[in-house]
C-alpha atoms as a PDB file:
ATOM      1  CA  UNK A   1      -5.598 -39.782 -12.915  1.00  0.00           C
ATOM      2  CA  UNK A   2      -2.823 -39.742 -10.884  1.00  0.00           C
ATOM      3  CA  UNK A   3      -1.817 -36.718  -8.631  1.00  0.00           C
ATOM      4  CA  UNK A   4       1.594 -36.765  -6.995  1.00  0.00           C
ATOM      5  CA  UNK A   5       2.502 -34.125  -4.514  1.00  0.00           C
ATOM      6  CA  UNK A   6       1.098 -31.777  -2.039  1.00  0.00           C
ATOM      7  CA  UNK A   7      -2.239 -30.660  -1.567  1.00  0.00           C
ATOM      8  CA  UNK A   8      -1.579 -27.571  -4.239  1.00  0.00           C
ATOM      9  CA  UNK A   9      -0.768 -30.399  -6.698  1.00  0.00           C
ATOM     10  CA  UNK A  10      -3.716 -32.432  -5.780  1.00  0.00           C
ATOM     11  CA  UNK A  11      -6.033 -29.468  -6.188  1.00  0.00           C
ATOM     12  CA  UNK A  12      -4.800 -28.597  -9.693  1.00  0.00           C
ATOM     13  CA  UNK A  13      -5.351 -32.057 -10.656  1.00  0.00           C
ATOM     14  CA  UNK A  14      -8.478 -32.491  -9.090  1.00  0.00           C
ATOM     15  CA  UNK A  15      -9.647 -29.197 -11.279  1.00  0.00           C
ATOM     16  CA  UNK A  16      -9.221 -31.304 -14.290  1.00  0.00           C
ATOM     17  CA  UNK A  17     -11.418 -34.989 -13.500  1.00  0.00           C
ATOM     18  CA  UNK A  18     -14.128 -32.898 -10.776  1.00  0.00           C
ATOM     19  CA  UNK A  19     -17.529 -33.321 -12.143  1.00  0.00           C
ATOM     20  CA  UNK A  20     -16.043 -35.841 -15.070  1.00  0.00           C
ATOM     21  CA  UNK A  21     -16.725 -39.062 -13.081  1.00  0.00           C
ATOM     22  CA  UNK A  22     -13.105 -40.017 -13.742  1.00  0.00           C
ATOM     23  CA  UNK A  23     -11.333 -41.238 -10.350  1.00  0.00           C
ATOM     24  CA  UNK A  24      -8.310 -39.570  -8.708  1.00  0.00           C
ATOM     25  CA  UNK A  25      -5.402 -41.238  -7.170  1.00  0.00           C
ATOM     26  CA  UNK A  26      -3.478 -39.602  -4.676  1.00  0.00           C
ATOM     27  CA  UNK A  27       0.466 -40.389  -4.042  1.00  0.00           C
ATOM     28  CA  UNK A  28       1.119 -37.631  -1.318  1.00  0.00           C
ATOM     29  CA  UNK A  29       4.347 -36.362  -1.186  1.00  0.00           C
ATOM     30  CA  UNK A  30       3.962 -32.456   0.097  1.00  0.00           C
ATOM     31  CA  UNK A  31       4.885 -31.038   3.366  1.00  0.00           C
ATOM     32  CA  UNK A  32       1.092 -30.581   4.685  1.00  0.00           C
ATOM     33  CA  UNK A  33      -1.135 -33.676   2.724  1.00  0.00           C
ATOM     34  CA  UNK A  34      -4.070 -32.821   4.828  1.00  0.00           C
ATOM     35  CA  UNK A  35      -6.619 -34.222   1.841  1.00  0.00           C
ATOM     36  CA  UNK A  36      -4.665 -37.488   2.268  1.00  0.00           C
ATOM     37  CA  UNK A  37      -4.331 -37.476   6.098  1.00  0.00           C
ATOM     38  CA  UNK A  38      -8.107 -36.414   6.355  1.00  0.00           C
ATOM     39  CA  UNK A  39      -9.205 -39.224   4.306  1.00  0.00           C
ATOM     40  CA  UNK A  40      -7.022 -41.792   5.863  1.00  0.00           C
ATOM     41  CA  UNK A  41      -4.630 -42.782   2.898  1.00  0.00           C
ATOM     42  CA  UNK A  42      -1.261 -44.264   3.260  1.00  0.00           C
ATOM     43  CA  UNK A  43       1.486 -41.980   3.138  1.00  0.00           C
ATOM     44  CA  UNK A  44       3.833 -44.304   1.941  1.00  0.00           C
ATOM     45  CA  UNK A  45       4.498 -44.167  -1.608  1.00  0.00           C
ATOM     46  CA  UNK A  46       4.141 -47.893  -2.738  1.00  0.00           C
ATOM     47  CA  UNK A  47       0.897 -48.647  -0.350  1.00  0.00           C
ATOM     48  CA  UNK A  48      -0.620 -45.175  -1.982  1.00  0.00           C
ATOM     49  CA  UNK A  49       0.031 -46.492  -5.084  1.00  0.00           C
ATOM     50  CA  UNK A  50      -1.965 -49.819  -4.479  1.00  0.00           C
ATOM     51  CA  UNK A  51      -5.007 -47.529  -2.620  1.00  0.00           C
ATOM     52  CA  UNK A  52      -4.713 -45.497  -5.858  1.00  0.00           C
ATOM     53  CA  UNK A  53      -4.997 -48.323  -8.400  1.00  0.00           C
ATOM     54  CA  UNK A  54      -6.990 -51.098  -6.447  1.00  0.00           C
ATOM     55  CA  UNK A  55      -9.349 -48.640  -3.594  1.00  0.00           C
ATOM     56  CA  UNK A  56     -12.733 -47.846  -3.742  1.00  0.00           C
ATOM     57  CA  UNK A  57     -13.686 -44.542  -5.026  1.00  0.00           C
ATOM     58  CA  UNK A  58     -15.338 -41.943  -2.489  1.00  0.00           C
ATOM     59  CA  UNK A  59     -17.394 -39.172  -3.614  1.00  0.00           C
ATOM     60  CA  UNK A  60     -16.601 -35.591  -2.071  1.00  0.00           C
ATOM     61  CA  UNK A  61     -17.323 -32.183  -2.449  1.00  0.00           C
ATOM     62  CA  UNK A  62     -15.589 -29.187  -3.936  1.00  0.00           C
ATOM     63  CA  UNK A  63     -15.107 -25.691  -2.938  1.00  0.00           C
ATOM     64  CA  UNK A  64     -14.663 -22.707  -4.918  1.00  0.00           C
ATOM     65  CA  UNK A  65     -13.395 -19.196  -3.711  1.00  0.00           C
ATOM     66  CA  UNK A  66     -13.663 -16.209  -5.755  1.00  0.00           C
ATOM     67  CA  UNK A  67     -14.405 -18.755  -8.583  1.00  0.00           C
ATOM     68  CA  UNK A  68     -11.482 -20.745  -7.874  1.00  0.00           C
ATOM     69  CA  UNK A  69     -11.579 -24.430  -6.658  1.00  0.00           C
ATOM     70  CA  UNK A  70      -9.989 -25.868  -3.753  1.00  0.00           C
ATOM     71  CA  UNK A  71     -10.660 -29.349  -2.188  1.00  0.00           C
ATOM     72  CA  UNK A  72      -9.325 -28.984   1.299  1.00  0.00           C
ATOM     73  CA  UNK A  73      -9.019 -25.400   2.812  1.00  0.00           C
ATOM     74  CA  UNK A  74      -8.987 -21.709   2.170  1.00  0.00           C
ATOM     75  CA  UNK A  75      -8.242 -18.746   4.164  1.00  0.00           C
ATOM     76  CA  UNK A  76      -8.132 -14.878   4.582  1.00  0.00           C
ATOM     77  CA  UNK A  77      -5.219 -13.331   6.818  1.00  0.00           C
ATOM     78  CA  UNK A  78      -2.958 -15.177   9.555  1.00  0.00           C
ATOM     79  CA  UNK A  79      -3.353 -18.538   7.747  1.00  0.00           C
ATOM     80  CA  UNK A  80      -1.952 -16.889   4.258  1.00  0.00           C
ATOM     81  CA  UNK A  81       0.723 -14.938   5.817  1.00  0.00           C
ATOM     82  CA  UNK A  82       2.092 -18.037   7.282  1.00  0.00           C
ATOM     83  CA  UNK A  83       1.883 -19.865   4.194  1.00  0.00           C
ATOM     84  CA  UNK A  84       3.337 -17.325   2.308  1.00  0.00           C
ATOM     85  CA  UNK A  85       6.281 -16.654   4.702  1.00  0.00           C
ATOM     86  CA  UNK A  86       7.514 -20.426   4.682  1.00  0.00           C
ATOM     87  CA  UNK A  87      10.042 -20.837   2.143  1.00  0.00           C
ATOM     88  CA  UNK A  88      10.424 -24.069   0.232  1.00  0.00           C
ATOM     89  CA  UNK A  89      13.980 -24.563   1.924  1.00  0.00           C
ATOM     90  CA  UNK A  90      12.755 -24.328   5.425  1.00  0.00           C
ATOM     91  CA  UNK A  91       9.957 -26.838   4.609  1.00  0.00           C
ATOM     92  CA  UNK A  92      12.284 -29.217   3.238  1.00  0.00           C
ATOM     93  CA  UNK A  93      14.223 -28.915   6.321  1.00  0.00           C
ATOM     94  CA  UNK A  94      11.565 -28.685   8.704  1.00  0.00           C
ATOM     95  CA  UNK A  95       8.709 -30.115   7.397  1.00  0.00           C
ATOM     96  CA  UNK A  96       5.071 -28.799   8.570  1.00  0.00           C
ATOM     97  CA  UNK A  97       7.229 -26.909  11.934  1.00  0.00           C
ATOM     98  CA  UNK A  98       8.379 -24.426   9.229  1.00  0.00           C
ATOM     99  CA  UNK A  99       4.823 -23.301   9.529  1.00  0.00           C
ATOM    100  CA  UNK A 100       4.980 -22.594  13.003  1.00  0.00           C
ATOM    101  CA  UNK A 101       7.970 -20.379  12.850  1.00  0.00           C
ATOM    102  CA  UNK A 102       6.467 -18.225  10.426  1.00  0.00           C
ATOM    103  CA  UNK A 103       3.410 -17.971  12.515  1.00  0.00           C
ATOM    104  CA  UNK A 104       5.357 -16.449  15.186  1.00  0.00           C
ATOM    105  CA  UNK A 105       5.580 -13.816  13.325  1.00  0.00           C
ATOM    106  CA  UNK A 106       1.952 -12.922  13.104  1.00  0.00           C
ATOM    107  CA  UNK A 107       0.750 -13.272  16.490  1.00  0.00           C
ATOM    108  CA  UNK A 108       0.979  -9.794  17.058  1.00  0.00           C
ATOM    109  CA  UNK A 109      -0.799  -8.468  13.694  1.00  0.00           C
ATOM    110  CA  UNK A 110      -3.573  -6.113  13.727  1.00  0.00           C
ATOM    111  CA  UNK A 111      -6.920  -7.849  13.301  1.00  0.00           C
ATOM    112  CA  UNK A 112      -9.200  -6.857  10.512  1.00  0.00           C
ATOM    113  CA  UNK A 113     -12.533  -5.941  10.610  1.00  0.00           C
ATOM    114  CA  UNK A 114     -14.992  -8.409   8.670  1.00  0.00           C
ATOM    115  CA  UNK A 115     -18.502  -9.370   8.238  1.00  0.00           C
ATOM    116  CA  UNK A 116     -19.990 -12.576   7.073  1.00  0.00           C
ATOM    117  CA  UNK A 117     -23.249 -13.450   5.269  1.00  0.00           C
ATOM    118  CA  UNK A 118     -23.871 -17.147   5.697  1.00  0.00           C
ATOM    119  CA  UNK A 119     -26.504 -18.820   3.187  1.00  0.00           C
ATOM    120  CA  UNK A 120     -28.045 -15.013   2.812  1.00  0.00           C
ATOM    121  CA  UNK A 121     -28.447 -14.482   6.286  1.00  0.00           C
ATOM    122  CA  UNK A 122     -27.705 -11.652   8.601  1.00  0.00           C
ATOM    123  CA  UNK A 123     -24.136 -10.545   8.687  1.00  0.00           C
ATOM    124  CA  UNK A 124     -21.860 -10.982  11.612  1.00  0.00           C
ATOM    125  CA  UNK A 125     -19.327  -8.273  12.130  1.00  0.00           C
ATOM    126  CA  UNK A 126     -16.271  -9.469  13.642  1.00  0.00           C
ATOM    127  CA  UNK A 127     -12.609  -7.792  14.545  1.00  0.00           C
ATOM    128  CA  UNK A 128     -10.450 -11.060  13.025  1.00  0.00           C
ATOM    129  CA  UNK A 129      -6.960 -12.374  12.499  1.00  0.00           C
ATOM    130  CA  UNK A 130      -7.922 -14.776  10.094  1.00  0.00           C
ATOM    131  CA  UNK A 131     -11.007 -16.866   8.276  1.00  0.00           C
ATOM    132  CA  UNK A 132     -10.302 -20.241   7.418  1.00  0.00           C
ATOM    133  CA  UNK A 133     -13.186 -22.436   5.283  1.00  0.00           C
ATOM    134  CA  UNK A 134     -12.579 -26.210   5.500  1.00  0.00           C
ATOM    135  CA  UNK A 135     -13.738 -29.015   3.681  1.00  0.00           C
ATOM    136  CA  UNK A 136     -11.862 -31.449   6.124  1.00  0.00           C
ATOM    137  CA  UNK A 137     -11.169 -30.541   9.608  1.00  0.00           C
ATOM    138  CA  UNK A 138      -7.691 -32.042  10.708  1.00  0.00           C
ATOM    139  CA  UNK A 139      -4.249 -30.082  10.428  1.00  0.00           C
ATOM    140  CA  UNK A 140      -1.161 -31.385  10.750  1.00  0.00           C
ATOM    141  CA  UNK A 141      -0.046 -32.511  14.178  1.00  0.00           C
ATOM    142  CA  UNK A 142      -3.520 -34.206  14.883  1.00  0.00           C
ATOM    143  CA  UNK A 143      -4.790 -30.622  15.274  1.00  0.00           C
ATOM    144  CA  UNK A 144      -8.447 -30.829  14.719  1.00  0.00           C
ATOM    145  CA  UNK A 145      -9.514 -27.179  13.991  1.00  0.00           C
ATOM    146  CA  UNK A 146     -13.097 -27.941  12.276  1.00  0.00           C
ATOM    147  CA  UNK A 147     -14.741 -30.730  14.372  1.00  0.00           C
ATOM    148  CA  UNK A 148     -17.725 -31.223  12.326  1.00  0.00           C
ATOM    149  CA  UNK A 149     -16.275 -30.784   9.100  1.00  0.00           C
ATOM    150  CA  UNK A 150     -16.475 -33.952   6.676  1.00  0.00           C
ATOM    151  CA  UNK A 151     -15.707 -33.931   3.052  1.00  0.00           C
ATOM    152  CA  UNK A 152     -18.820 -35.438   1.210  1.00  0.00           C
ATOM    153  CA  UNK A 153     -21.747 -33.888   3.464  1.00  0.00           C
ATOM    154  CA  UNK A 154     -22.550 -31.144   1.138  1.00  0.00           C
ATOM    155  CA  UNK A 155     -21.510 -28.194   3.734  1.00  0.00           C
ATOM    156  CA  UNK A 156     -18.426 -26.016   4.142  1.00  0.00           C
ATOM    157  CA  UNK A 157     -17.361 -25.249   7.947  1.00  0.00           C
ATOM    158  CA  UNK A 158     -15.863 -22.053   8.629  1.00  0.00           C
ATOM    159  CA  UNK A 159     -13.734 -20.742  11.930  1.00  0.00           C
ATOM    160  CA  UNK A 160     -13.152 -16.752  12.496  1.00  0.00           C
ATOM    161  CA  UNK A 161     -10.141 -16.490  14.755  1.00  0.00           C
ATOM    162  CA  UNK A 162     -10.564 -13.536  17.184  1.00  0.00           C
ATOM    163  CA  UNK A 163      -7.736 -13.619  19.694  1.00  0.00           C
ATOM    164  CA  UNK A 164      -6.224 -10.524  21.099  1.00  0.00           C
ATOM    165  CA  UNK A 165      -2.425 -10.768  21.706  1.00  0.00           C
ATOM    166  CA  UNK A 166      -0.062 -12.976  22.684  1.00  0.00           C
ATOM    167  CA  UNK A 167      -2.280 -14.328  25.654  1.00  0.00           C
ATOM    168  CA  UNK A 168      -4.926 -14.521  23.377  1.00  0.00           C
ATOM    169  CA  UNK A 169      -3.159 -16.886  20.995  1.00  0.00           C
ATOM    170  CA  UNK A 170      -1.804 -19.229  23.623  1.00  0.00           C
ATOM    171  CA  UNK A 171      -5.073 -19.766  25.462  1.00  0.00           C
ATOM    172  CA  UNK A 172      -6.686 -20.320  21.879  1.00  0.00           C
ATOM    173  CA  UNK A 173      -4.290 -22.920  21.081  1.00  0.00           C
ATOM    174  CA  UNK A 174      -4.804 -24.667  24.164  1.00  0.00           C
ATOM    175  CA  UNK A 175      -8.643 -25.070  23.654  1.00  0.00           C
ATOM    176  CA  UNK A 176      -7.855 -26.115  20.392  1.00  0.00           C
ATOM    177  CA  UNK A 177      -5.338 -29.030  20.854  1.00  0.00           C
ATOM    178  CA  UNK A 178      -7.706 -29.984  24.097  1.00  0.00           C
ATOM    179  CA  UNK A 179     -10.679 -29.867  22.238  1.00  0.00           C
ATOM    180  CA  UNK A 180     -12.737 -27.529  24.641  1.00  0.00           C
ATOM    181  CA  UNK A 181     -14.808 -24.855  23.488  1.00  0.00           C
ATOM    182  CA  UNK A 182     -13.116 -21.296  22.704  1.00  0.00           C
ATOM    183  CA  UNK A 183     -15.614 -18.849  22.922  1.00  0.00           C
ATOM    184  CA  UNK A 184     -14.598 -15.168  22.480  1.00  0.00           C
ATOM    185  CA  UNK A 185     -11.749 -16.252  20.394  1.00  0.00           C
ATOM    186  CA  UNK A 186     -13.121 -18.171  17.656  1.00  0.00           C
ATOM    187  CA  UNK A 187     -16.905 -18.331  15.963  1.00  0.00           C
ATOM    188  CA  UNK A 188     -17.551 -21.302  13.597  1.00  0.00           C
ATOM    189  CA  UNK A 189     -20.288 -21.337  10.966  1.00  0.00           C
ATOM    190  CA  UNK A 190     -21.719 -24.026   8.887  1.00  0.00           C
ATOM    191  CA  UNK A 191     -22.863 -23.021   5.109  1.00  0.00           C
ATOM    192  CA  UNK A 192     -23.327 -23.683   1.843  1.00  0.00           C
ATOM    193  CA  UNK A 193     -22.491 -20.161   0.576  1.00  0.00           C
ATOM    194  CA  UNK A 194     -20.272 -17.391   2.146  1.00  0.00           C
ATOM    195  CA  UNK A 195     -19.795 -13.808   1.483  1.00  0.00           C
ATOM    196  CA  UNK A 196     -16.729 -12.283   3.779  1.00  0.00           C
ATOM    197  CA  UNK A 197     -15.786  -8.950   3.484  1.00  0.00           C
ATOM    198  CA  UNK A 198     -12.461  -7.344   4.963  1.00  0.00           C
ATOM    199  CA  UNK A 199     -12.084  -3.473   5.827  1.00  0.00           C
ATOM    200  CA  UNK A 200      -8.501  -3.986   4.122  1.00  0.00           C
ATOM    201  CA  UNK A 201      -6.953  -5.847   1.775  1.00  0.00           C
ATOM    202  CA  UNK A 202      -5.665  -9.503   3.186  1.00  0.00           C
ATOM    203  CA  UNK A 203      -3.788 -12.013   1.828  1.00  0.00           C
ATOM    204  CA  UNK A 204      -5.573 -15.256   1.035  1.00  0.00           C
ATOM    205  CA  UNK A 205      -4.819 -18.840   0.431  1.00  0.00           C
ATOM    206  CA  UNK A 206      -6.293 -21.843  -1.494  1.00  0.00           C
ATOM    207  CA  UNK A 207      -4.838 -25.497  -0.521  1.00  0.00           C
ATOM    208  CA  UNK A 208      -1.621 -24.072   0.998  1.00  0.00           C
ATOM    209  CA  UNK A 209      -0.959 -21.497  -2.035  1.00  0.00           C
ATOM    210  CA  UNK A 210      -1.312 -17.817  -1.216  1.00  0.00           C
ATOM    211  CA  UNK A 211      -3.735 -16.201  -4.385  1.00  0.00           C
ATOM    212  CA  UNK A 212      -2.530 -12.653  -3.530  1.00  0.00           C
ATOM    213  CA  UNK A 213      -4.827  -9.814  -1.596  1.00  0.00           C
ATOM    214  CA  UNK A 214      -8.415  -9.189  -1.143  1.00  0.00           C
ATOM    215  CA  UNK A 215     -11.241  -7.507   0.716  1.00  0.00           C
ATOM    216  CA  UNK A 216     -13.795  -9.929  -0.516  1.00  0.00           C
ATOM    217  CA  UNK A 217     -13.987 -13.624  -0.390  1.00  0.00           C
ATOM    218  CA  UNK A 218     -17.196 -15.370  -2.070  1.00  0.00           C
ATOM    219  CA  UNK A 219     -16.936 -19.184  -1.224  1.00  0.00           C
ATOM    220  CA  UNK A 220     -19.570 -21.940  -2.356  1.00  0.00           C
ATOM    221  CA  UNK A 221     -19.759 -25.642  -2.193  1.00  0.00           C
ATOM    222  CA  UNK A 222     -20.326 -27.728  -4.782  1.00  0.00           C
ATOM    223  CA  UNK A 223     -21.541 -31.228  -3.446  1.00  0.00           C
ATOM    224  CA  UNK A 224     -20.061 -34.849  -4.788  1.00  0.00           C
ATOM    225  CA  UNK A 225     -18.433 -33.366  -7.857  1.00  0.00           C
ATOM    226  CA  UNK A 226     -14.891 -34.991  -7.283  1.00  0.00           C
ATOM    227  CA  UNK A 227     -14.080 -38.625  -6.932  1.00  0.00           C
ATOM    228  CA  UNK A 228     -11.462 -40.075  -4.805  1.00  0.00           C
ATOM    229  CA  UNK A 229      -9.438 -43.745  -4.594  1.00  0.00           C
ATOM    230  CA  UNK A 230      -9.519 -44.203  -0.733  1.00  0.00           C
ATOM    231  CA  UNK A 231      -8.520 -47.674   0.974  1.00  0.00           C
ATOM    232  CA  UNK A 232     -10.921 -50.322   0.367  1.00  0.00           C
ATOM    233  CA  UNK A 233     -12.803 -51.271   3.446  1.00  0.00           C
ATOM    234  CA  UNK A 234     -13.496 -54.903   2.439  1.00  0.00           C
ATOM    235  CA  UNK A 235      -9.683 -55.628   2.403  1.00  0.00           C
ATOM    236  CA  UNK A 236      -8.851 -53.730   5.641  1.00  0.00           C
END
């Protein structure tokens, strides 16, 4: 199967072939194309088609949030707000920078109280602006938000963003960009199952698509469910 579009389209196509053994070829043409970038797929349409038809098959994990599949990232709070306010027209004009403009409107939003239970362990309670779960680690612009995330390790990674005000966001951004620890502003988790409960309803998203509002997310990993065509290393 060939998927031509952004991460949302890729996820929809992946849902159709996951677990079937049929490989998915990706022709990236969206704004973020995060799965393609993380897998090292070519962004040029012609080269992407060659990879889709002749590349090697790589078995990837799939995530599920409240029963809905994702292959890149899921999020609650800040990132969903950012995605929801980035219009298609603005994304066509500015590309991924449209998300940055949208994010600026929410840097002073009041955080929520969240409880996180990973793999049945004790709950962690934090005041957070966002909970972001990733099957991959790289964002647009070469930003590695989840440095330990690998799409085929059977584990999902998450970060809980806990900055305070504009100054806190600036410190957090600087530390992420410089690949430095952000203790007190970001908490990292690795898990196979995560239950997130918020004290009030928040928007949530899967692979760039806002799904609505919720106070609870149950996220699980489904190892090795998806085959994706990637560049053939033997020919590189």
